[in-house]
Amino acid sequence: MPLDNATIQQKLTAKFADAISEWETPYNLLSCKVAVSTITDVLAYLYNDSELSFQFLTDLTGVHFPERAGEELCVVYHLHNMRANSRLRLKVYVPIDNPCVPTASSLFSAANWMERETYDFFGIIFEGHPNLTRILNVNEMDYFPMRKEYEMEDPTRTDKDDEMFGRGSLV
């Protein structure tokens, strides 16, 4: 049987039932929300199941949704089954006051640096990570710059005009 979106969704729903929700297929990319308490089990199942075999972590990043009360921060996983050329997106939401997600670095070695970068920019704590320290920003930085509560540019700069970059009115 070919590995299509319906098969992936059916297998995940049968195994994890209520822990997975918000199924959608934008641009034919199967996406779903996974409960933070089961993300490690879901990733391991996707990796180890002989039919699913999602063994390549293409990307892991964070997103800040300030309008989602209690789910302000999101970790997004992009997985790829190279043999079947099938892709899958998983999303895990956590509250901004407790931004903890289990690490995926023991399953995917590539997650190590991706989780460090996500921590560095969004402040999401990957529990069990072997070296969760800043990777691009200075250690003295006391905030997480990709959260939407911070300005995109330094408002005191006079050499840049947001209107030139399409972020303001040209009136």
N, C-alpha and C. Protein backbone atom coordinates (compact mmCIF):
# COMPACT_ATOMS: atom_id res chain seq x y z
N MET A 1 0.85 -1.18 0.00
CA MET A 1 0.00 0.00 0.00
C MET A 1 0.89 1.25 0.00
N PRO A 2 0.61 2.21 -0.89
CA PRO A 2 1.43 3.44 -0.90
C PRO A 2 1.20 4.26 0.37
N LEU A 3 2.21 5.01 0.72
CA LEU A 3 2.12 5.83 1.93
C LEU A 3 1.52 7.18 1.56
N ASP A 4 0.23 7.31 1.75
CA ASP A 4 -0.45 8.57 1.45
C ASP A 4 -0.91 9.21 2.76
N ASN A 5 -1.44 10.42 2.66
CA ASN A 5 -1.87 11.16 3.85
C ASN A 5 -2.93 10.42 4.64
N ALA A 6 -3.86 9.76 3.94
CA ALA A 6 -4.94 9.03 4.62
C ALA A 6 -4.38 7.88 5.46
N THR A 7 -3.40 7.17 4.92
CA THR A 7 -2.78 6.06 5.65
C THR A 7 -2.05 6.56 6.89
N ILE A 8 -1.29 7.63 6.74
CA ILE A 8 -0.55 8.20 7.88
C ILE A 8 -1.53 8.64 8.96
N GLN A 9 -2.56 9.38 8.58
CA GLN A 9 -3.54 9.85 9.55
C GLN A 9 -4.25 8.69 10.23
N GLN A 10 -4.62 7.68 9.48
CA GLN A 10 -5.31 6.52 10.03
C GLN A 10 -4.44 5.80 11.06
N LYS A 11 -3.18 5.57 10.72
CA LYS A 11 -2.28 4.87 11.65
C LYS A 11 -2.02 5.68 12.92
N LEU A 12 -1.82 6.99 12.78
CA LEU A 12 -1.59 7.82 13.96
C LEU A 12 -2.83 7.92 14.83
N THR A 13 -3.98 8.04 14.21
CA THR A 13 -5.24 8.13 14.97
C THR A 13 -5.51 6.82 15.70
N ALA A 14 -5.26 5.69 15.04
CA ALA A 14 -5.48 4.39 15.68
C ALA A 14 -4.56 4.20 16.89
N LYS A 15 -3.34 4.69 16.79
CA LYS A 15 -2.36 4.48 17.86
C LYS A 15 -2.49 5.51 18.99
N PHE A 16 -2.78 6.78 18.65
CA PHE A 16 -2.72 7.84 19.66
C PHE A 16 -4.05 8.55 19.90
N ALA A 17 -5.07 8.24 19.17
CA ALA A 17 -6.44 8.73 19.34
C ALA A 17 -6.52 10.23 19.68
N ASP A 18 -6.88 10.54 20.92
CA ASP A 18 -7.16 11.92 21.32
C ASP A 18 -5.92 12.79 21.50
N ALA A 19 -4.72 12.22 21.45
CA ALA A 19 -3.50 13.00 21.63
C ALA A 19 -3.12 13.77 20.37
N ILE A 20 -3.82 13.48 19.26
CA ILE A 20 -3.53 14.15 17.99
C ILE A 20 -4.82 14.78 17.48
N SER A 21 -4.73 16.06 17.06
CA SER A 21 -5.93 16.78 16.61
C SER A 21 -5.54 17.81 15.55
N GLU A 22 -6.51 18.62 15.18
CA GLU A 22 -6.32 19.72 14.22
C GLU A 22 -5.65 19.25 12.92
N TRP A 23 -6.18 18.17 12.35
CA TRP A 23 -5.66 17.66 11.09
C TRP A 23 -5.97 18.62 9.95
N GLU A 24 -5.01 18.87 9.10
CA GLU A 24 -5.20 19.68 7.90
C GLU A 24 -4.16 19.28 6.86
N THR A 25 -4.41 19.68 5.61
CA THR A 25 -3.46 19.33 4.54
C THR A 25 -3.21 20.54 3.63
N PRO A 26 -2.60 21.59 4.17
CA PRO A 26 -2.27 22.72 3.29
C PRO A 26 -1.22 22.29 2.26
N TYR A 27 -1.49 22.59 1.01
CA TYR A 27 -0.59 22.23 -0.10
C TYR A 27 -0.25 20.74 -0.09
N ASN A 28 -1.23 19.94 0.32
CA ASN A 28 -1.11 18.48 0.39
C ASN A 28 -0.06 18.00 1.40
N LEU A 29 0.32 18.85 2.35
CA LEU A 29 1.25 18.48 3.42
C LEU A 29 0.42 18.17 4.66
N LEU A 30 0.38 16.91 5.06
CA LEU A 30 -0.40 16.51 6.22
C LEU A 30 0.19 17.15 7.47
N SER A 31 -0.66 17.85 8.22
CA SER A 31 -0.23 18.55 9.43
C SER A 31 -1.19 18.23 10.56
N CYS A 32 -0.67 18.18 11.78
CA CYS A 32 -1.54 17.94 12.93
C CYS A 32 -0.90 18.51 14.19
N LYS A 33 -1.76 18.65 15.19
CA LYS A 33 -1.33 19.09 16.52
C LYS A 33 -1.17 17.85 17.40
N VAL A 34 -0.05 17.77 18.12
CA VAL A 34 0.23 16.64 19.00
C VAL A 34 0.34 17.16 20.43
N ALA A 35 -0.24 16.45 21.37
CA ALA A 35 -0.14 16.83 22.78
C ALA A 35 1.31 16.72 23.22
N VAL A 36 1.75 17.70 23.99
CA VAL A 36 3.15 17.73 24.42
C VAL A 36 3.51 16.48 25.22
N SER A 37 2.55 15.92 25.95
CA SER A 37 2.83 14.74 26.77
C SER A 37 3.12 13.48 25.94
N THR A 38 2.74 13.48 24.67
CA THR A 38 2.94 12.29 23.83
C THR A 38 3.88 12.51 22.66
N ILE A 39 4.48 13.69 22.52
CA ILE A 39 5.30 13.97 21.34
C ILE A 39 6.46 12.98 21.21
N THR A 40 7.09 12.61 22.29
CA THR A 40 8.21 11.66 22.22
C THR A 40 7.73 10.31 21.70
N ASP A 41 6.60 9.83 22.18
CA ASP A 41 6.06 8.55 21.73
C ASP A 41 5.63 8.62 20.26
N VAL A 42 5.03 9.74 19.85
CA VAL A 42 4.60 9.89 18.45
C VAL A 42 5.81 9.91 17.53
N LEU A 43 6.83 10.66 17.88
CA LEU A 43 8.05 10.71 17.05
C LEU A 43 8.71 9.34 16.95
N ALA A 44 8.79 8.63 18.07
CA ALA A 44 9.40 7.29 18.06
C ALA A 44 8.58 6.32 17.21
N TYR A 45 7.27 6.40 17.30
CA TYR A 45 6.41 5.54 16.49
C TYR A 45 6.60 5.84 15.00
N LEU A 46 6.61 7.12 14.65
CA LEU A 46 6.80 7.50 13.25
C LEU A 46 8.17 7.05 12.73
N TYR A 47 9.16 7.07 13.57
CA TYR A 47 10.52 6.67 13.20
C TYR A 47 10.63 5.16 13.04
N ASN A 48 10.08 4.41 14.01
CA ASN A 48 10.29 2.97 14.09
C ASN A 48 9.30 2.11 13.31
N ASP A 49 8.11 2.62 13.04
CA ASP A 49 7.12 1.83 12.31
C ASP A 49 7.64 1.56 10.90
N SER A 50 7.64 0.28 10.50
CA SER A 50 8.24 -0.10 9.22
C SER A 50 7.52 0.51 8.02
N GLU A 51 6.22 0.74 8.13
CA GLU A 51 5.48 1.34 7.01
C GLU A 51 5.66 2.86 6.98
N LEU A 52 5.62 3.50 8.15
CA LEU A 52 5.72 4.97 8.19
C LEU A 52 7.16 5.42 7.96
N SER A 53 8.08 4.95 8.77
CA SER A 53 9.52 5.17 8.58
C SER A 53 9.91 6.63 8.32
N PHE A 54 9.40 7.54 9.15
CA PHE A 54 9.80 8.95 9.05
C PHE A 54 11.11 9.10 9.84
N GLN A 55 12.23 8.89 9.17
CA GLN A 55 13.52 8.86 9.84
C GLN A 55 14.41 10.06 9.53
N PHE A 56 13.85 11.04 8.86
CA PHE A 56 14.63 12.24 8.54
C PHE A 56 13.89 13.47 9.08
N LEU A 57 14.51 14.15 10.03
CA LEU A 57 13.97 15.40 10.57
C LEU A 57 14.49 16.52 9.68
N THR A 58 13.61 17.03 8.83
CA THR A 58 13.98 18.08 7.89
C THR A 58 14.21 19.40 8.62
N ASP A 59 13.30 19.70 9.55
CA ASP A 59 13.38 20.99 10.24
C ASP A 59 12.65 20.90 11.56
N LEU A 60 13.09 21.70 12.50
CA LEU A 60 12.44 21.88 13.78
C LEU A 60 12.60 23.35 14.12
N THR A 61 11.50 24.02 14.42
CA THR A 61 11.57 25.44 14.73
C THR A 61 10.44 25.82 15.68
N GLY A 62 10.42 27.07 16.06
CA GLY A 62 9.38 27.58 16.93
C GLY A 62 8.57 28.66 16.24
N VAL A 63 7.38 28.90 16.79
CA VAL A 63 6.51 29.98 16.32
C VAL A 63 5.84 30.57 17.55
N HIS A 64 5.66 31.87 17.55
CA HIS A 64 4.98 32.54 18.65
C HIS A 64 3.60 32.98 18.18
N PHE A 65 2.56 32.47 18.86
CA PHE A 65 1.17 32.84 18.59
C PHE A 65 0.61 33.52 19.82
N PRO A 66 0.82 34.84 19.99
CA PRO A 66 0.37 35.50 21.21
C PRO A 66 -1.14 35.45 21.41
N GLU A 67 -1.90 35.25 20.34
CA GLU A 67 -3.36 35.23 20.44
C GLU A 67 -3.91 33.89 20.93
N ARG A 68 -3.11 32.84 20.99
CA ARG A 68 -3.57 31.51 21.45
C ARG A 68 -3.32 31.40 22.95
N ALA A 69 -4.28 31.78 23.74
CA ALA A 69 -4.14 31.76 25.20
C ALA A 69 -3.84 30.35 25.70
N GLY A 70 -2.74 30.21 26.44
CA GLY A 70 -2.33 28.92 26.98
C GLY A 70 -1.56 28.07 26.00
N GLU A 71 -1.46 28.52 24.76
CA GLU A 71 -0.71 27.80 23.72
C GLU A 71 0.07 28.80 22.87
N GLU A 72 0.74 29.71 23.54
CA GLU A 72 1.39 30.81 22.83
C GLU A 72 2.61 30.39 22.02
N LEU A 73 3.32 29.38 22.47
CA LEU A 73 4.52 28.94 21.76
C LEU A 73 4.28 27.58 21.12
N CYS A 74 4.85 27.42 19.95
CA CYS A 74 4.64 26.19 19.17
C CYS A 74 5.98 25.68 18.67
N VAL A 75 6.19 24.37 18.80
CA VAL A 75 7.34 23.72 18.17
C VAL A 75 6.81 22.99 16.94
N VAL A 76 7.43 23.23 15.80
CA VAL A 76 7.00 22.62 14.54
C VAL A 76 8.09 21.66 14.08
N TYR A 77 7.68 20.41 13.82
CA TYR A 77 8.58 19.37 13.33
C TYR A 77 8.19 19.05 11.89
N HIS A 78 9.15 19.05 10.98
CA HIS A 78 8.93 18.60 9.60
C HIS A 78 9.70 17.29 9.43
N LEU A 79 8.96 16.23 9.14
CA LEU A 79 9.55 14.90 8.98
C LEU A 79 9.42 14.44 7.54
N HIS A 80 10.34 13.57 7.14
CA HIS A 80 10.35 13.09 5.75
C HIS A 80 10.65 11.59 5.74
N ASN A 81 9.82 10.85 5.02
CA ASN A 81 10.10 9.45 4.71
C ASN A 81 10.73 9.47 3.33
N MET A 82 12.01 9.23 3.25
CA MET A 82 12.74 9.37 2.00
C MET A 82 12.39 8.26 1.00
N ARG A 83 12.12 7.06 1.48
CA ARG A 83 11.80 5.96 0.57
C ARG A 83 10.46 6.19 -0.13
N ALA A 84 9.46 6.66 0.61
CA ALA A 84 8.13 6.87 0.03
C ALA A 84 7.96 8.31 -0.44
N ASN A 85 8.96 9.13 -0.21
CA ASN A 85 8.90 10.57 -0.53
C ASN A 85 7.64 11.20 0.05
N SER A 86 7.45 10.98 1.32
CA SER A 86 6.28 11.49 2.03
C SER A 86 6.72 12.42 3.14
N ARG A 87 5.96 13.48 3.34
CA ARG A 87 6.30 14.47 4.36
C ARG A 87 5.17 14.63 5.36
N LEU A 88 5.53 15.10 6.55
CA LEU A 88 4.56 15.25 7.64
C LEU A 88 4.99 16.42 8.52
N ARG A 89 4.02 17.22 8.95
CA ARG A 89 4.29 18.33 9.87
C ARG A 89 3.56 18.07 11.18
N LEU A 90 4.29 18.14 12.29
CA LEU A 90 3.70 18.01 13.62
C LEU A 90 3.88 19.33 14.35
N LYS A 91 2.84 19.71 15.11
CA LYS A 91 2.92 20.95 15.89
C LYS A 91 2.59 20.65 17.35
N VAL A 92 3.41 21.17 18.26
CA VAL A 92 3.21 21.01 19.69
C VAL A 92 3.11 22.40 20.30
N TYR A 93 2.01 22.68 20.97
CA TYR A 93 1.79 24.00 21.59
C TYR A 93 2.03 23.92 23.09
N VAL A 94 2.68 24.96 23.62
CA VAL A 94 2.93 25.04 25.06
C VAL A 94 2.65 26.48 25.51
N PRO A 95 2.30 26.64 26.80
CA PRO A 95 2.08 28.00 27.31
C PRO A 95 3.39 28.75 27.46
N ILE A 96 3.33 30.06 27.31
CA ILE A 96 4.54 30.88 27.38
C ILE A 96 5.13 30.89 28.80
N ASP A 97 4.29 30.64 29.81
CA ASP A 97 4.79 30.63 31.18
C ASP A 97 5.37 29.27 31.59
N ASN A 98 5.25 28.25 30.75
CA ASN A 98 5.86 26.94 30.99
C ASN A 98 6.24 26.32 29.64
N PRO A 99 7.24 26.90 28.97
CA PRO A 99 7.57 26.49 27.60
C PRO A 99 8.46 25.25 27.52
N CYS A 100 7.99 24.13 28.04
CA CYS A 100 8.80 22.92 28.10
C CYS A 100 8.28 21.84 27.17
N VAL A 101 9.19 21.28 26.37
CA VAL A 101 8.90 20.20 25.43
C VAL A 101 10.03 19.18 25.56
N PRO A 102 9.72 17.88 25.54
CA PRO A 102 10.81 16.89 25.59
C PRO A 102 11.70 16.98 24.35
N THR A 103 12.97 16.73 24.53
CA THR A 103 13.92 16.78 23.42
C THR A 103 13.68 15.64 22.43
N ALA A 104 13.99 15.90 21.19
CA ALA A 104 13.95 14.87 20.15
C ALA A 104 15.36 14.47 19.75
N SER A 105 16.36 15.01 20.45
CA SER A 105 17.76 14.81 20.04
C SER A 105 18.24 13.38 20.25
N SER A 106 17.59 12.61 21.10
CA SER A 106 18.02 11.21 21.26
C SER A 106 17.55 10.36 20.08
N LEU A 107 16.50 10.79 19.39
CA LEU A 107 15.98 10.07 18.22
C LEU A 107 16.57 10.61 16.92
N PHE A 108 16.64 11.94 16.82
CA PHE A 108 17.19 12.60 15.63
C PHE A 108 18.39 13.43 16.06
N SER A 109 19.59 13.06 15.65
CA SER A 109 20.77 13.82 16.06
C SER A 109 20.71 15.26 15.52
N ALA A 110 20.06 15.47 14.40
CA ALA A 110 19.94 16.82 13.83
C ALA A 110 19.13 17.74 14.72
N ALA A 111 18.30 17.18 15.59
CA ALA A 111 17.48 18.01 16.48
C ALA A 111 18.33 18.78 17.48
N ASN A 112 19.54 18.31 17.74
CA ASN A 112 20.39 18.95 18.74
C ASN A 112 20.55 20.44 18.48
N TRP A 113 21.06 20.81 17.33
CA TRP A 113 21.29 22.22 17.04
C TRP A 113 19.99 22.96 16.76
N MET A 114 19.03 22.27 16.13
CA MET A 114 17.74 22.93 15.85
C MET A 114 17.03 23.30 17.15
N GLU A 115 17.09 22.44 18.15
CA GLU A 115 16.48 22.75 19.44
C GLU A 115 17.22 23.88 20.14
N ARG A 116 18.54 23.90 20.01
CA ARG A 116 19.30 25.00 20.61
C ARG A 116 18.93 26.34 19.97
N GLU A 117 18.79 26.34 18.65
CA GLU A 117 18.40 27.57 17.95
C GLU A 117 16.99 28.00 18.36
N THR A 118 16.07 27.05 18.48
CA THR A 118 14.69 27.35 18.87
C THR A 118 14.65 27.88 20.31
N TYR A 119 15.45 27.30 21.18
CA TYR A 119 15.57 27.83 22.54
C TYR A 119 16.13 29.25 22.51
N ASP A 120 17.17 29.45 21.73
CA ASP A 120 17.86 30.74 21.65
C ASP A 120 16.92 31.87 21.20
N PHE A 121 16.05 31.58 20.25
CA PHE A 121 15.20 32.63 19.69
C PHE A 121 13.80 32.70 20.28
N PHE A 122 13.28 31.59 20.81
CA PHE A 122 11.91 31.58 21.32
C PHE A 122 11.81 31.27 22.81
N GLY A 123 12.87 30.76 23.43
CA GLY A 123 12.85 30.44 24.85
C GLY A 123 12.15 29.13 25.17
N ILE A 124 11.97 28.27 24.19
CA ILE A 124 11.35 26.97 24.44
C ILE A 124 12.42 26.05 25.03
N ILE A 125 12.10 25.45 26.17
CA ILE A 125 13.05 24.60 26.89
C ILE A 125 12.82 23.15 26.46
N PHE A 126 13.85 22.53 25.94
CA PHE A 126 13.77 21.14 25.51
C PHE A 126 14.34 20.26 26.62
N GLU A 127 13.44 19.69 27.38
CA GLU A 127 13.82 18.89 28.54
C GLU A 127 14.58 17.65 28.11
N GLY A 128 15.72 17.41 28.75
CA GLY A 128 16.55 16.26 28.43
C GLY A 128 17.60 16.53 27.36
N HIS A 129 17.63 17.75 26.85
CA HIS A 129 18.62 18.09 25.83
C HIS A 129 20.01 18.05 26.45
N PRO A 130 21.01 17.50 25.74
CA PRO A 130 22.34 17.35 26.34
C PRO A 130 23.11 18.66 26.54
N ASN A 131 22.76 19.74 25.83
CA ASN A 131 23.52 20.99 25.96
C ASN A 131 22.65 22.17 25.52
N LEU A 132 21.58 22.42 26.23
CA LEU A 132 20.64 23.48 25.84
C LEU A 132 21.20 24.84 26.24
N THR A 133 22.03 25.40 25.36
CA THR A 133 22.61 26.72 25.57
C THR A 133 22.39 27.53 24.30
N ARG A 134 22.58 28.83 24.41
CA ARG A 134 22.43 29.69 23.24
C ARG A 134 23.44 29.27 22.18
N ILE A 135 23.02 29.40 20.91
CA ILE A 135 23.88 28.95 19.82
C ILE A 135 24.24 30.10 18.87
N LEU A 136 23.39 31.13 18.76
CA LEU A 136 23.64 32.24 17.85
C LEU A 136 23.71 33.59 18.56
N ASN A 137 22.95 33.76 19.62
CA ASN A 137 22.94 35.02 20.36
C ASN A 137 23.93 34.97 21.51
N VAL A 138 24.27 36.12 22.03
CA VAL A 138 25.22 36.19 23.14
C VAL A 138 24.58 35.65 24.41
N ASN A 139 25.37 35.06 25.26
CA ASN A 139 24.86 34.47 26.50
C ASN A 139 24.22 35.49 27.43
N GLU A 140 24.65 36.74 27.33
CA GLU A 140 24.13 37.79 28.20
C GLU A 140 22.72 38.24 27.82
N MET A 141 22.25 37.84 26.67
CA MET A 141 20.92 38.25 26.21
C MET A 141 19.87 37.70 27.17
N ASP A 142 18.99 38.57 27.66
CA ASP A 142 18.00 38.16 28.66
C ASP A 142 16.58 38.11 28.08
N TYR A 143 16.46 37.98 26.77
CA TYR A 143 15.16 37.87 26.14
C TYR A 143 15.29 36.97 24.91
N PHE A 144 14.16 36.66 24.31
CA PHE A 144 14.12 35.75 23.16
C PHE A 144 13.58 36.53 21.97
N PRO A 145 14.45 36.95 21.05
CA PRO A 145 14.13 37.99 20.06
C PRO A 145 13.08 37.63 19.01
N MET A 146 12.76 36.36 18.79
CA MET A 146 11.77 36.04 17.76
C MET A 146 10.34 36.03 18.30
N ARG A 147 10.17 36.26 19.58
CA ARG A 147 8.82 36.39 20.12
C ARG A 147 8.24 37.71 19.63
N LYS A 148 6.98 37.71 19.34
CA LYS A 148 6.34 38.89 18.75
C LYS A 148 6.18 40.06 19.70
N GLU A 149 6.54 39.88 20.95
CA GLU A 149 6.46 40.99 21.90
C GLU A 149 7.61 41.98 21.73
N TYR A 150 8.57 41.64 20.88
CA TYR A 150 9.73 42.50 20.65
C TYR A 150 9.66 43.13 19.27
N GLU A 151 10.21 44.33 19.17
CA GLU A 151 10.26 45.05 17.89
C GLU A 151 11.12 44.29 16.88
N MET A 152 10.76 44.40 15.60
CA MET A 152 11.58 43.78 14.56
C MET A 152 12.92 44.49 14.42
N GLU A 153 12.91 45.78 14.56
CA GLU A 153 14.13 46.58 14.44
C GLU A 153 14.26 47.46 15.68
N ASP A 154 15.43 47.92 15.92
CA ASP A 154 15.67 48.87 17.00
C ASP A 154 14.97 50.18 16.65
N PRO A 155 13.97 50.61 17.43
CA PRO A 155 13.22 51.82 17.08
C PRO A 155 14.05 53.10 17.14
N THR A 156 15.24 53.04 17.73
CA THR A 156 16.06 54.24 17.83
C THR A 156 16.95 54.45 16.60
N ARG A 157 16.99 53.45 15.70
CA ARG A 157 17.83 53.57 14.50
C ARG A 157 17.22 54.58 13.54
N THR A 158 18.07 55.41 12.98
CA THR A 158 17.60 56.41 12.02
C THR A 158 18.03 56.08 10.59
N ASP A 159 18.87 55.05 10.43
CA ASP A 159 19.35 54.72 9.09
C ASP A 159 18.43 53.75 8.36
N LYS A 160 17.37 53.28 9.01
CA LYS A 160 16.42 52.38 8.37
C LYS A 160 15.01 52.95 8.54
N ASP A 161 14.26 52.89 7.48
CA ASP A 161 12.88 53.35 7.51
C ASP A 161 12.00 52.15 7.17
N ASP A 162 11.13 51.74 8.10
CA ASP A 162 10.29 50.57 7.88
C ASP A 162 9.46 50.67 6.62
N GLU A 163 9.10 51.88 6.22
CA GLU A 163 8.30 52.03 5.01
C GLU A 163 9.05 51.54 3.76
N MET A 164 10.38 51.60 3.81
CA MET A 164 11.18 51.13 2.68
C MET A 164 11.14 49.61 2.56
N PHE A 165 10.78 48.92 3.65
CA PHE A 165 10.75 47.46 3.67
C PHE A 165 9.33 46.90 3.71
N GLY A 166 8.34 47.73 3.37
CA GLY A 166 6.97 47.28 3.29
C GLY A 166 6.30 47.05 4.61
N ARG A 167 6.81 47.67 5.70
CA ARG A 167 6.23 47.46 7.01
C ARG A 167 5.59 48.73 7.56
N GLY A 168 5.17 49.59 6.73
CA GLY A 168 4.53 50.82 7.20
C GLY A 168 3.74 51.44 6.06
N SER A 169 3.01 52.44 6.40
CA SER A 169 2.23 53.10 5.35
C SER A 169 3.13 54.06 4.60
N LEU A 170 2.88 54.17 3.32
CA LEU A 170 3.66 55.09 2.48
C LEU A 170 2.90 56.38 2.24
N VAL A 171 1.98 56.69 3.12
CA VAL A 171 1.16 57.90 2.97
C VAL A 171 1.88 59.12 3.45
